[in-house]
């Protein structure tokens, strides 16, 4: 299981985030996603800790805490597959009809 950390400063580093969470137990991994186009941090991270008890302690201590001028949002990360939509039974495809560009050919 991992922890979602939101509302992060764009100046945060993996080492700094790891140090904050290390106060509550062993940090196994820190992921700081970046924007594909700009390479800029996206303002959130995922932290994996050694045990669920350590994760719980970190969440309870850090959710709502101010760090680097921002109030952190810290909770258990939801699995990716749970992020499906409510659009037609989880199909997020944009089917949709024709529209767009039609050109008459003579």
PDB file of N, CA and C in Angstrom:
ATOM      1  N   UNK A   1       0.845  -1.180   0.000  1.00  0.00           N
ATOM      2  CA  UNK A   1       0.000   0.000   0.000  1.00  0.00           C
ATOM      3  C   UNK A   1       0.890   1.242   0.000  1.00  0.00           C
ATOM      4  N   UNK A   2       0.365   2.308  -0.551  1.00  0.00           N
ATOM      5  CA  UNK A   2       1.151   3.534  -0.518  1.00  0.00           C
ATOM      6  C   UNK A   2       0.289   4.704  -0.068  1.00  0.00           C
ATOM      7  N   UNK A   3       0.961   5.795   0.193  1.00  0.00           N
ATOM      8  CA  UNK A   3       0.313   7.010   0.698  1.00  0.00           C
ATOM      9  C   UNK A   3       0.312   8.052  -0.413  1.00  0.00           C
ATOM     10  N   UNK A   4      -0.831   8.702  -0.590  1.00  0.00           N
ATOM     11  CA  UNK A   4      -0.939   9.830  -1.520  1.00  0.00           C
ATOM     12  C   UNK A   4      -0.649  11.105  -0.734  1.00  0.00           C
ATOM     13  N   UNK A   5       0.211  11.958  -1.274  1.00  0.00           N
ATOM     14  CA  UNK A   5       0.543  13.232  -0.642  1.00  0.00           C
ATOM     15  C   UNK A   5       0.233  14.332  -1.657  1.00  0.00           C
ATOM     16  N   UNK A   6      -0.778  15.126  -1.367  1.00  0.00           N
ATOM     17  CA  UNK A   6      -1.191  16.162  -2.301  1.00  0.00           C
ATOM     18  C   UNK A   6      -0.931  17.563  -1.787  1.00  0.00           C
ATOM     19  N   UNK A   7      -1.095  18.520  -2.692  1.00  0.00           N
ATOM     20  CA  UNK A   7      -0.894  19.946  -2.427  1.00  0.00           C
ATOM     21  C   UNK A   7       0.558  20.246  -2.060  1.00  0.00           C
ATOM     22  N   UNK A   8       1.464  19.565  -2.743  1.00  0.00           N
ATOM     23  CA  UNK A   8       2.897  19.777  -2.496  1.00  0.00           C
ATOM     24  C   UNK A   8       3.406  21.010  -3.237  1.00  0.00           C
ATOM     25  N   UNK A   9       4.396  21.623  -2.658  1.00  0.00           N
ATOM     26  CA  UNK A   9       5.102  22.709  -3.325  1.00  0.00           C
ATOM     27  C   UNK A   9       5.827  22.133  -4.540  1.00  0.00           C
ATOM     28  N   UNK A  10       5.924  22.913  -5.596  1.00  0.00           N
ATOM     29  CA  UNK A  10       6.638  22.470  -6.792  1.00  0.00           C
ATOM     30  C   UNK A  10       8.149  22.450  -6.567  1.00  0.00           C
ATOM     31  N   UNK A  11       8.582  22.942  -5.412  1.00  0.00           N
ATOM     32  CA  UNK A  11      10.004  22.973  -5.079  1.00  0.00           C
ATOM     33  C   UNK A  11      10.451  21.743  -4.288  1.00  0.00           C
ATOM     34  N   UNK A  12       9.541  20.853  -3.951  1.00  0.00           N
ATOM     35  CA  UNK A  12       9.859  19.698  -3.108  1.00  0.00           C
ATOM     36  C   UNK A  12      10.828  18.753  -3.831  1.00  0.00           C
ATOM     37  N   UNK A  13      11.639  18.052  -3.038  1.00  0.00           N
ATOM     38  CA  UNK A  13      12.556  17.050  -3.578  1.00  0.00           C
ATOM     39  C   UNK A  13      12.241  15.700  -2.950  1.00  0.00           C
ATOM     40  N   UNK A  14      12.687  14.640  -3.616  1.00  0.00           N
ATOM     41  CA  UNK A  14      12.489  13.298  -3.068  1.00  0.00           C
ATOM     42  C   UNK A  14      13.149  13.163  -1.701  1.00  0.00           C
ATOM     43  N   UNK A  15      14.348  13.692  -1.569  1.00  0.00           N
ATOM     44  CA  UNK A  15      15.071  13.584  -0.297  1.00  0.00           C
ATOM     45  C   UNK A  15      14.337  14.298   0.834  1.00  0.00           C
ATOM     46  N   UNK A  16      13.825  15.493   0.557  1.00  0.00           N
ATOM     47  CA  UNK A  16      13.116  16.258   1.592  1.00  0.00           C
ATOM     48  C   UNK A  16      11.839  15.546   2.010  1.00  0.00           C
ATOM     49  N   UNK A  17      11.094  15.037   1.032  1.00  0.00           N
ATOM     50  CA  UNK A  17       9.850  14.336   1.341  1.00  0.00           C
ATOM     51  C   UNK A  17      10.138  13.049   2.111  1.00  0.00           C
ATOM     52  N   UNK A  18      11.169  12.351   1.705  1.00  0.00           N
ATOM     53  CA  UNK A  18      11.565  11.127   2.400  1.00  0.00           C
ATOM     54  C   UNK A  18      11.934  11.417   3.852  1.00  0.00           C
ATOM     55  N   UNK A  19      12.632  12.519   4.079  1.00  0.00           N
ATOM     56  CA  UNK A  19      13.039  12.885   5.444  1.00  0.00           C
ATOM     57  C   UNK A  19      11.833  13.175   6.334  1.00  0.00           C
ATOM     58  N   UNK A  20      10.826  13.833   5.788  1.00  0.00           N
ATOM     59  CA  UNK A  20       9.618  14.136   6.569  1.00  0.00           C
ATOM     60  C   UNK A  20       8.911  12.844   6.970  1.00  0.00           C
ATOM     61  N   UNK A  21       8.761  11.925   6.023  1.00  0.00           N
ATOM     62  CA  UNK A  21       8.053  10.676   6.325  1.00  0.00           C
ATOM     63  C   UNK A  21       8.897   9.728   7.168  1.00  0.00           C
ATOM     64  N   UNK A  22      10.221   9.840   7.118  1.00  0.00           N
ATOM     65  CA  UNK A  22      11.104   8.970   7.899  1.00  0.00           C
ATOM     66  C   UNK A  22      10.920   9.176   9.400  1.00  0.00           C
ATOM     67  N   UNK A  23      10.355  10.320   9.790  1.00  0.00           N
ATOM     68  CA  UNK A  23      10.073  10.556  11.210  1.00  0.00           C
ATOM     69  C   UNK A  23       9.020   9.589  11.743  1.00  0.00           C
ATOM     70  N   UNK A  24       8.282   8.921  10.834  1.00  0.00           N
ATOM     71  CA  UNK A  24       7.196   8.026  11.246  1.00  0.00           C
ATOM     72  C   UNK A  24       7.477   6.571  10.910  1.00  0.00           C
ATOM     73  N   UNK A  25       8.676   6.280  10.383  1.00  0.00           N
ATOM     74  CA  UNK A  25       9.039   4.901  10.075  1.00  0.00           C
ATOM     75  C   UNK A  25       9.959   4.826   8.873  1.00  0.00           C
ATOM     76  N   UNK A  26      10.158   3.614   8.384  1.00  0.00           N
ATOM     77  CA  UNK A  26      11.071   3.418   7.256  1.00  0.00           C
ATOM     78  C   UNK A  26      10.361   3.721   5.930  1.00  0.00           C
ATOM     79  N   UNK A  27      11.008   4.531   5.128  1.00  0.00           N
ATOM     80  CA  UNK A  27      10.465   4.907   3.821  1.00  0.00           C
ATOM     81  C   UNK A  27      11.078   3.982   2.779  1.00  0.00           C
ATOM     82  N   UNK A  28      10.229   3.243   2.082  1.00  0.00           N
ATOM     83  CA  UNK A  28      10.710   2.313   1.055  1.00  0.00           C
ATOM     84  C   UNK A  28      10.890   2.999  -0.293  1.00  0.00           C
ATOM     85  N   UNK A  29       9.955   3.890  -0.635  1.00  0.00           N
ATOM     86  CA  UNK A  29      10.030   4.535  -1.946  1.00  0.00           C
ATOM     87  C   UNK A  29       9.231   5.828  -1.956  1.00  0.00           C
ATOM     88  N   UNK A  30       9.724   6.803  -2.715  1.00  0.00           N
ATOM     89  CA  UNK A  30       9.032   8.073  -2.917  1.00  0.00           C
ATOM     90  C   UNK A  30       8.946   8.310  -4.424  1.00  0.00           C
ATOM     91  N   UNK A  31       7.753   8.573  -4.916  1.00  0.00           N
ATOM     92  CA  UNK A  31       7.557   8.889  -6.331  1.00  0.00           C
ATOM     93  C   UNK A  31       7.003  10.301  -6.446  1.00  0.00           C
ATOM     94  N   UNK A  32       7.656  11.117  -7.246  1.00  0.00           N
ATOM     95  CA  UNK A  32       7.194  12.482  -7.531  1.00  0.00           C
ATOM     96  C   UNK A  32       6.876  12.571  -9.025  1.00  0.00           C
ATOM     97  N   UNK A  33       5.624  12.356  -9.418  1.00  0.00           N
ATOM     98  CA  UNK A  33       5.280  12.404 -10.842  1.00  0.00           C
ATOM     99  C   UNK A  33       5.529  13.784 -11.453  1.00  0.00           C
ATOM    100  N   UNK A  34       5.975  13.764 -12.694  1.00  0.00           N
ATOM    101  CA  UNK A  34       6.211  15.007 -13.419  1.00  0.00           C
ATOM    102  C   UNK A  34       5.308  15.062 -14.639  1.00  0.00           C
ATOM    103  N   UNK A  35       5.051  16.269 -15.101  1.00  0.00           N
ATOM    104  CA  UNK A  35       4.258  16.485 -16.299  1.00  0.00           C
ATOM    105  C   UNK A  35       5.055  15.999 -17.504  1.00  0.00           C
ATOM    106  N   UNK A  36       4.430  15.247 -18.392  1.00  0.00           N
ATOM    107  CA  UNK A  36       5.131  14.684 -19.547  1.00  0.00           C
ATOM    108  C   UNK A  36       5.665  15.754 -20.484  1.00  0.00           C
ATOM    109  N   UNK A  37       4.908  16.815 -20.651  1.00  0.00           N
ATOM    110  CA  UNK A  37       5.302  17.841 -21.615  1.00  0.00           C
ATOM    111  C   UNK A  37       6.318  18.836 -21.060  1.00  0.00           C
ATOM    112  N   UNK A  38       6.127  19.249 -19.808  1.00  0.00           N
ATOM    113  CA  UNK A  38       6.987  20.301 -19.261  1.00  0.00           C
ATOM    114  C   UNK A  38       8.100  19.771 -18.356  1.00  0.00           C
ATOM    115  N   UNK A  39       7.939  18.549 -17.839  1.00  0.00           N
ATOM    116  CA  UNK A  39       8.917  17.996 -16.913  1.00  0.00           C
ATOM    117  C   UNK A  39       8.780  18.561 -15.506  1.00  0.00           C
ATOM    118  N   UNK A  40       7.805  19.444 -15.300  1.00  0.00           N
ATOM    119  CA  UNK A  40       7.587  20.075 -13.996  1.00  0.00           C
ATOM    120  C   UNK A  40       6.843  19.112 -13.066  1.00  0.00           C
ATOM    121  N   UNK A  41       7.152  19.191 -11.784  1.00  0.00           N
ATOM    122  CA  UNK A  41       6.435  18.378 -10.794  1.00  0.00           C
ATOM    123  C   UNK A  41       4.944  18.675 -10.875  1.00  0.00           C
ATOM    124  N   UNK A  42       4.129  17.670 -10.577  1.00  0.00           N
ATOM    125  CA  UNK A  42       2.681  17.820 -10.696  1.00  0.00           C
ATOM    126  C   UNK A  42       2.009  18.223  -9.386  1.00  0.00           C
ATOM    127  N   UNK A  43       2.771  18.349  -8.304  1.00  0.00           N
ATOM    128  CA  UNK A  43       2.193  18.827  -7.051  1.00  0.00           C
ATOM    129  C   UNK A  43       1.672  17.735  -6.134  1.00  0.00           C
ATOM    130  N   UNK A  44       1.972  16.484  -6.460  1.00  0.00           N
ATOM    131  CA  UNK A  44       1.596  15.394  -5.562  1.00  0.00           C
ATOM    132  C   UNK A  44       2.669  14.316  -5.632  1.00  0.00           C
ATOM    133  N   UNK A  45       2.591  13.370  -4.682  1.00  0.00           N
ATOM    134  CA  UNK A  45       3.582  12.301  -4.622  1.00  0.00           C
ATOM    135  C   UNK A  45       2.945  11.050  -4.035  1.00  0.00           C
ATOM    136  N   UNK A  46       3.675   9.950  -4.151  1.00  0.00           N
ATOM    137  CA  UNK A  46       3.291   8.699  -3.510  1.00  0.00           C
ATOM    138  C   UNK A  46       4.473   8.247  -2.668  1.00  0.00           C
ATOM    139  N   UNK A  47       4.166   7.840  -1.432  1.00  0.00           N
ATOM    140  CA  UNK A  47       5.209   7.393  -0.504  1.00  0.00           C
ATOM    141  C   UNK A  47       4.840   5.991  -0.028  1.00  0.00           C
ATOM    142  N   UNK A  48       5.797   5.078  -0.106  1.00  0.00           N
ATOM    143  CA  UNK A  48       5.600   3.730   0.430  1.00  0.00           C
ATOM    144  C   UNK A  48       6.459   3.585   1.672  1.00  0.00           C
ATOM    145  N   UNK A  49       5.830   3.068   2.728  1.00  0.00           N
ATOM    146  CA  UNK A  49       6.550   2.887   3.993  1.00  0.00           C
ATOM    147  C   UNK A  49       6.639   1.404   4.320  1.00  0.00           C
ATOM    148  N   UNK A  50       7.442   1.086   5.322  1.00  0.00           N
ATOM    149  CA  UNK A  50       7.716  -0.296   5.689  1.00  0.00           C
ATOM    150  C   UNK A  50       6.516  -1.090   6.155  1.00  0.00           C
ATOM    151  N   UNK A  51       5.664  -0.482   6.987  1.00  0.00           N
ATOM    152  CA  UNK A  51       4.506  -1.209   7.519  1.00  0.00           C
ATOM    153  C   UNK A  51       3.253  -0.339   7.437  1.00  0.00           C
ATOM    154  N   UNK A  52       2.124  -0.991   7.544  1.00  0.00           N
ATOM    155  CA  UNK A  52       0.860  -0.267   7.528  1.00  0.00           C
ATOM    156  C   UNK A  52       0.727   0.631   8.761  1.00  0.00           C
ATOM    157  N   UNK A  53       1.278   0.177   9.890  1.00  0.00           N
ATOM    158  CA  UNK A  53       1.232   0.992  11.112  1.00  0.00           C
ATOM    159  C   UNK A  53       2.016   2.294  10.911  1.00  0.00           C
ATOM    160  N   UNK A  54       3.154   2.217  10.225  1.00  0.00           N
ATOM    161  CA  UNK A  54       3.938   3.423   9.948  1.00  0.00           C
ATOM    162  C   UNK A  54       3.178   4.352   9.008  1.00  0.00           C
ATOM    163  N   UNK A  55       2.526   3.779   8.004  1.00  0.00           N
ATOM    164  CA  UNK A  55       1.727   4.588   7.085  1.00  0.00           C
ATOM    165  C   UNK A  55       0.611   5.313   7.826  1.00  0.00           C
ATOM    166  N   UNK A  56      -0.076   4.586   8.699  1.00  0.00           N
ATOM    167  CA  UNK A  56      -1.169   5.173   9.465  1.00  0.00           C
ATOM    168  C   UNK A  56      -0.663   6.312  10.344  1.00  0.00           C
ATOM    169  N   UNK A  57       0.462   6.110  10.998  1.00  0.00           N
ATOM    170  CA  UNK A  57       1.036   7.155  11.855  1.00  0.00           C
ATOM    171  C   UNK A  57       1.383   8.396  11.039  1.00  0.00           C
ATOM    172  N   UNK A  58       1.970   8.205   9.862  1.00  0.00           N
ATOM    173  CA  UNK A  58       2.345   9.333   9.004  1.00  0.00           C
ATOM    174  C   UNK A  58       1.108  10.076   8.515  1.00  0.00           C
ATOM    175  N   UNK A  59       0.088   9.335   8.109  1.00  0.00           N
ATOM    176  CA  UNK A  59      -1.150   9.959   7.627  1.00  0.00           C
ATOM    177  C   UNK A  59      -1.787  10.792   8.727  1.00  0.00           C
ATOM    178  N   UNK A  60      -1.907  10.208   9.908  1.00  0.00           N
ATOM    179  CA  UNK A  60      -2.539  10.925  11.021  1.00  0.00           C
ATOM    180  C   UNK A  60      -1.762  12.181  11.403  1.00  0.00           C
ATOM    181  N   UNK A  61      -0.444  12.108  11.352  1.00  0.00           N
ATOM    182  CA  UNK A  61       0.377  13.244  11.759  1.00  0.00           C
ATOM    183  C   UNK A  61       0.461  14.328  10.685  1.00  0.00           C
ATOM    184  N   UNK A  62       0.479  13.929   9.421  1.00  0.00           N
ATOM    185  CA  UNK A  62       0.794  14.893   8.365  1.00  0.00           C
ATOM    186  C   UNK A  62      -0.408  15.426   7.584  1.00  0.00           C
ATOM    187  N   UNK A  63      -1.548  14.745   7.634  1.00  0.00           N
ATOM    188  CA  UNK A  63      -2.712  15.244   6.898  1.00  0.00           C
ATOM    189  C   UNK A  63      -3.144  16.591   7.483  1.00  0.00           C
ATOM    190  N   UNK A  64      -3.128  17.615   6.650  1.00  0.00           N
ATOM    191  CA  UNK A  64      -3.494  18.963   7.084  1.00  0.00           C
ATOM    192  C   UNK A  64      -2.333  19.774   7.629  1.00  0.00           C
ATOM    193  N   UNK A  65      -1.173  19.134   7.802  1.00  0.00           N
ATOM    194  CA  UNK A  65      -0.004  19.858   8.326  1.00  0.00           C
ATOM    195  C   UNK A  65       0.540  20.816   7.278  1.00  0.00           C
ATOM    196  N   UNK A  66       1.087  21.931   7.733  1.00  0.00           N
ATOM    197  CA  UNK A  66       1.703  22.887   6.811  1.00  0.00           C
ATOM    198  C   UNK A  66       3.158  22.510   6.591  1.00  0.00           C
ATOM    199  N   UNK A  67       3.560  22.481   5.321  1.00  0.00           N
ATOM    200  CA  UNK A  67       4.944  22.189   4.957  1.00  0.00           C
ATOM    201  C   UNK A  67       5.286  22.964   3.697  1.00  0.00           C
ATOM    202  N   UNK A  68       6.367  23.700   3.737  1.00  0.00           N
ATOM    203  CA  UNK A  68       6.808  24.542   2.624  1.00  0.00           C
ATOM    204  C   UNK A  68       5.701  25.498   2.176  1.00  0.00           C
ATOM    205  N   UNK A  69       4.973  26.018   3.161  1.00  0.00           N
ATOM    206  CA  UNK A  69       3.943  27.015   2.876  1.00  0.00           C
ATOM    207  C   UNK A  69       2.633  26.459   2.358  1.00  0.00           C
ATOM    208  N   UNK A  70       2.439  25.157   2.409  1.00  0.00           N
ATOM    209  CA  UNK A  70       1.199  24.551   1.913  1.00  0.00           C
ATOM    210  C   UNK A  70       0.644  23.567   2.926  1.00  0.00           C
ATOM    211  N   UNK A  71      -0.680  23.455   2.961  1.00  0.00           N
ATOM    212  CA  UNK A  71      -1.342  22.471   3.822  1.00  0.00           C
ATOM    213  C   UNK A  71      -1.415  21.151   3.069  1.00  0.00           C
ATOM    214  N   UNK A  72      -0.741  20.145   3.592  1.00  0.00           N
ATOM    215  CA  UNK A  72      -0.668  18.852   2.920  1.00  0.00           C
ATOM    216  C   UNK A  72      -1.992  18.100   2.978  1.00  0.00           C
ATOM    217  N   UNK A  73      -2.266  17.346   1.937  1.00  0.00           N
ATOM    218  CA  UNK A  73      -3.380  16.405   1.901  1.00  0.00           C
ATOM    219  C   UNK A  73      -2.748  15.025   1.856  1.00  0.00           C
ATOM    220  N   UNK A  74      -2.896  14.262   2.930  1.00  0.00           N
ATOM    221  CA  UNK A  74      -2.216  12.971   3.041  1.00  0.00           C
ATOM    222  C   UNK A  74      -3.246  11.893   3.370  1.00  0.00           C
ATOM    223  N   UNK A  75      -3.319  10.864   2.513  1.00  0.00           N
ATOM    224  CA  UNK A  75      -4.221   9.748   2.767  1.00  0.00           C
ATOM    225  C   UNK A  75      -3.740   8.498   2.046  1.00  0.00           C
ATOM    226  N   UNK A  76      -4.420   7.384   2.279  1.00  0.00           N
ATOM    227  CA  UNK A  76      -4.050   6.145   1.596  1.00  0.00           C
ATOM    228  C   UNK A  76      -4.321   6.324   0.110  1.00  0.00           C
ATOM    229  N   UNK A  77      -3.364   5.912  -0.699  1.00  0.00           N
ATOM    230  CA  UNK A  77      -3.531   6.012  -2.154  1.00  0.00           C
ATOM    231  C   UNK A  77      -4.558   4.986  -2.603  1.00  0.00           C
ATOM    232  N   UNK A  78      -5.370   5.378  -3.571  1.00  0.00           N
ATOM    233  CA  UNK A  78      -6.352   4.457  -4.136  1.00  0.00           C
ATOM    234  C   UNK A  78      -5.710   3.727  -5.311  1.00  0.00           C
ATOM    235  N   UNK A  79      -6.003   2.447  -5.451  1.00  0.00           N
ATOM    236  CA  UNK A  79      -5.445   1.707  -6.591  1.00  0.00           C
ATOM    237  C   UNK A  79      -5.891   2.320  -7.910  1.00  0.00           C
ATOM    238  N   UNK A  80      -5.038   2.261  -8.901  1.00  0.00           N
ATOM    239  CA  UNK A  80      -5.337   2.849 -10.207  1.00  0.00           C
ATOM    240  C   UNK A  80      -6.633   2.343 -10.800  1.00  0.00           C
ATOM    241  N   UNK A  81      -6.890   1.030 -10.699  1.00  0.00           N
ATOM    242  CA  UNK A  81      -8.066   0.463 -11.337  1.00  0.00           C
ATOM    243  C   UNK A  81      -9.363   1.004 -10.741  1.00  0.00           C
ATOM    244  N   UNK A  82      -9.323   1.563  -9.553  1.00  0.00           N
ATOM    245  CA  UNK A  82     -10.515   2.139  -8.932  1.00  0.00           C
ATOM    246  C   UNK A  82     -10.847   3.517  -9.494  1.00  0.00           C
ATOM    247  N   UNK A  83      -9.988   4.051 -10.344  1.00  0.00           N
ATOM    248  CA  UNK A  83     -10.226   5.387 -10.852  1.00  0.00           C
ATOM    249  C   UNK A  83     -11.053   5.390 -12.127  1.00  0.00           C
ATOM    250  N   UNK A  84     -11.629   4.250 -12.497  1.00  0.00           N
ATOM    251  CA  UNK A  84     -12.477   4.195 -13.681  1.00  0.00           C
ATOM    252  C   UNK A  84     -13.623   5.174 -13.531  1.00  0.00           C
ATOM    253  N   UNK A  85     -14.277   5.455 -14.612  1.00  0.00           N
ATOM    254  CA  UNK A  85     -15.337   6.453 -14.555  1.00  0.00           C
ATOM    255  C   UNK A  85     -16.699   5.838 -14.376  1.00  0.00           C
ATOM    256  N   UNK A  86     -17.679   6.677 -14.215  1.00  0.00           N
ATOM    257  CA  UNK A  86     -19.052   6.221 -14.131  1.00  0.00           C
ATOM    258  C   UNK A  86     -19.717   6.395 -15.489  1.00  0.00           C
ATOM    259  N   UNK A  87     -18.911   6.489 -16.505  1.00  0.00           N
ATOM    260  CA  UNK A  87     -19.423   6.681 -17.852  1.00  0.00           C
ATOM    261  C   UNK A  87     -19.631   5.328 -18.502  1.00  0.00           C
ATOM    262  N   UNK A  88     -20.874   4.872 -18.571  1.00  0.00           N
ATOM    263  CA  UNK A  88     -21.173   3.636 -19.288  1.00  0.00           C
ATOM    264  C   UNK A  88     -20.415   2.432 -18.778  1.00  0.00           C
ATOM    265  N   UNK A  89     -20.506   2.150 -17.506  1.00  0.00           N
ATOM    266  CA  UNK A  89     -19.900   0.948 -16.961  1.00  0.00           C
ATOM    267  C   UNK A  89     -18.386   0.974 -16.931  1.00  0.00           C
ATOM    268  N   UNK A  90     -17.819   2.120 -16.767  1.00  0.00           N
ATOM    269  CA  UNK A  90     -16.381   2.206 -16.638  1.00  0.00           C
ATOM    270  C   UNK A  90     -15.663   2.464 -17.957  1.00  0.00           C
ATOM    271  N   UNK A  91     -16.383   2.428 -19.057  1.00  0.00           N
ATOM    272  CA  UNK A  91     -15.765   2.725 -20.342  1.00  0.00           C
ATOM    273  C   UNK A  91     -15.644   4.226 -20.487  1.00  0.00           C
ATOM    274  N   UNK A  92     -14.431   4.710 -20.451  1.00  0.00           N
ATOM    275  CA  UNK A  92     -14.234   6.153 -20.511  1.00  0.00           C
ATOM    276  C   UNK A  92     -14.012   6.623 -21.941  1.00  0.00           C
ATOM    277  N   UNK A  93     -14.142   5.725 -22.872  1.00  0.00           N
ATOM    278  CA  UNK A  93     -13.934   6.064 -24.275  1.00  0.00           C
ATOM    279  C   UNK A  93     -14.882   7.148 -24.717  1.00  0.00           C
ATOM    280  N   UNK A  94     -14.492   7.884 -25.688  1.00  0.00           N
ATOM    281  CA  UNK A  94     -15.299   9.008 -26.132  1.00  0.00           C
ATOM    282  C   UNK A  94     -16.017   8.742 -27.425  1.00  0.00           C
ATOM    283  N   UNK A  95     -16.473   7.543 -27.677  1.00  0.00           N
ATOM    284  CA  UNK A  95     -17.206   7.196 -28.897  1.00  0.00           C
ATOM    285  C   UNK A  95     -17.673   8.404 -29.669  1.00  0.00           C
ATOM    286  N   UNK A  96     -18.856   8.803 -29.450  1.00  0.00           N
ATOM    287  CA  UNK A  96     -19.362  10.034 -30.051  1.00  0.00           C
ATOM    288  C   UNK A  96     -19.533   9.939 -31.547  1.00  0.00           C
ATOM    289  N   UNK A  97     -20.480  10.639 -32.037  1.00  0.00           N
ATOM    290  CA  UNK A  97     -20.814  10.522 -33.455  1.00  0.00           C
ATOM    291  C   UNK A  97     -20.081  11.518 -34.314  1.00  0.00           C
ATOM    292  N   UNK A  98     -19.940  11.157 -35.529  1.00  0.00           N
ATOM    293  CA  UNK A  98     -19.342  11.906 -36.623  1.00  0.00           C
ATOM    294  C   UNK A  98     -18.955  13.332 -36.336  1.00  0.00           C
ATOM    295  N   UNK A  99     -19.835  14.244 -36.620  1.00  0.00           N
ATOM    296  CA  UNK A  99     -19.513  15.643 -36.423  1.00  0.00           C
ATOM    297  C   UNK A  99     -18.201  16.004 -37.079  1.00  0.00           C
ATOM    298  N   UNK A 100     -17.757  17.186 -36.854  1.00  0.00           N
ATOM    299  CA  UNK A 100     -16.441  17.534 -37.353  1.00  0.00           C
ATOM    300  C   UNK A 100     -16.417  17.930 -38.813  1.00  0.00           C
ATOM    301  N   UNK A 101     -15.442  17.466 -39.509  1.00  0.00           N
ATOM    302  CA  UNK A 101     -15.124  17.957 -40.840  1.00  0.00           C
ATOM    303  C   UNK A 101     -15.700  17.058 -41.920  1.00  0.00           C
ATOM    304  N   UNK A 102     -16.625  17.593 -42.688  1.00  0.00           N
ATOM    305  CA  UNK A 102     -17.153  16.893 -43.855  1.00  0.00           C
ATOM    306  C   UNK A 102     -16.925  17.760 -45.066  1.00  0.00           C
ATOM    307  N   UNK A 103     -16.412  17.183 -46.087  1.00  0.00           N
ATOM    308  CA  UNK A 103     -16.201  17.947 -47.308  1.00  0.00           C
ATOM    309  C   UNK A 103     -16.876  17.196 -48.467  1.00  0.00           C
ATOM    310  N   UNK A 104     -17.697  17.919 -49.182  1.00  0.00           N
ATOM    311  CA  UNK A 104     -18.338  17.306 -50.345  1.00  0.00           C
ATOM    312  C   UNK A 104     -17.329  17.173 -51.467  1.00  0.00           C
ATOM    313  N   UNK A 105     -17.320  16.023 -52.063  1.00  0.00           N
ATOM    314  CA  UNK A 105     -16.431  15.805 -53.205  1.00  0.00           C
ATOM    315  C   UNK A 105     -17.265  15.721 -54.454  1.00  0.00           C
ATOM    316  N   UNK A 106     -16.866  16.432 -55.506  1.00  0.00           N
ATOM    317  CA  UNK A 106     -17.600  16.421 -56.770  1.00  0.00           C
ATOM    318  C   UNK A 106     -16.844  15.702 -57.825  1.00  0.00           C
TER     319      UNK A 106
END
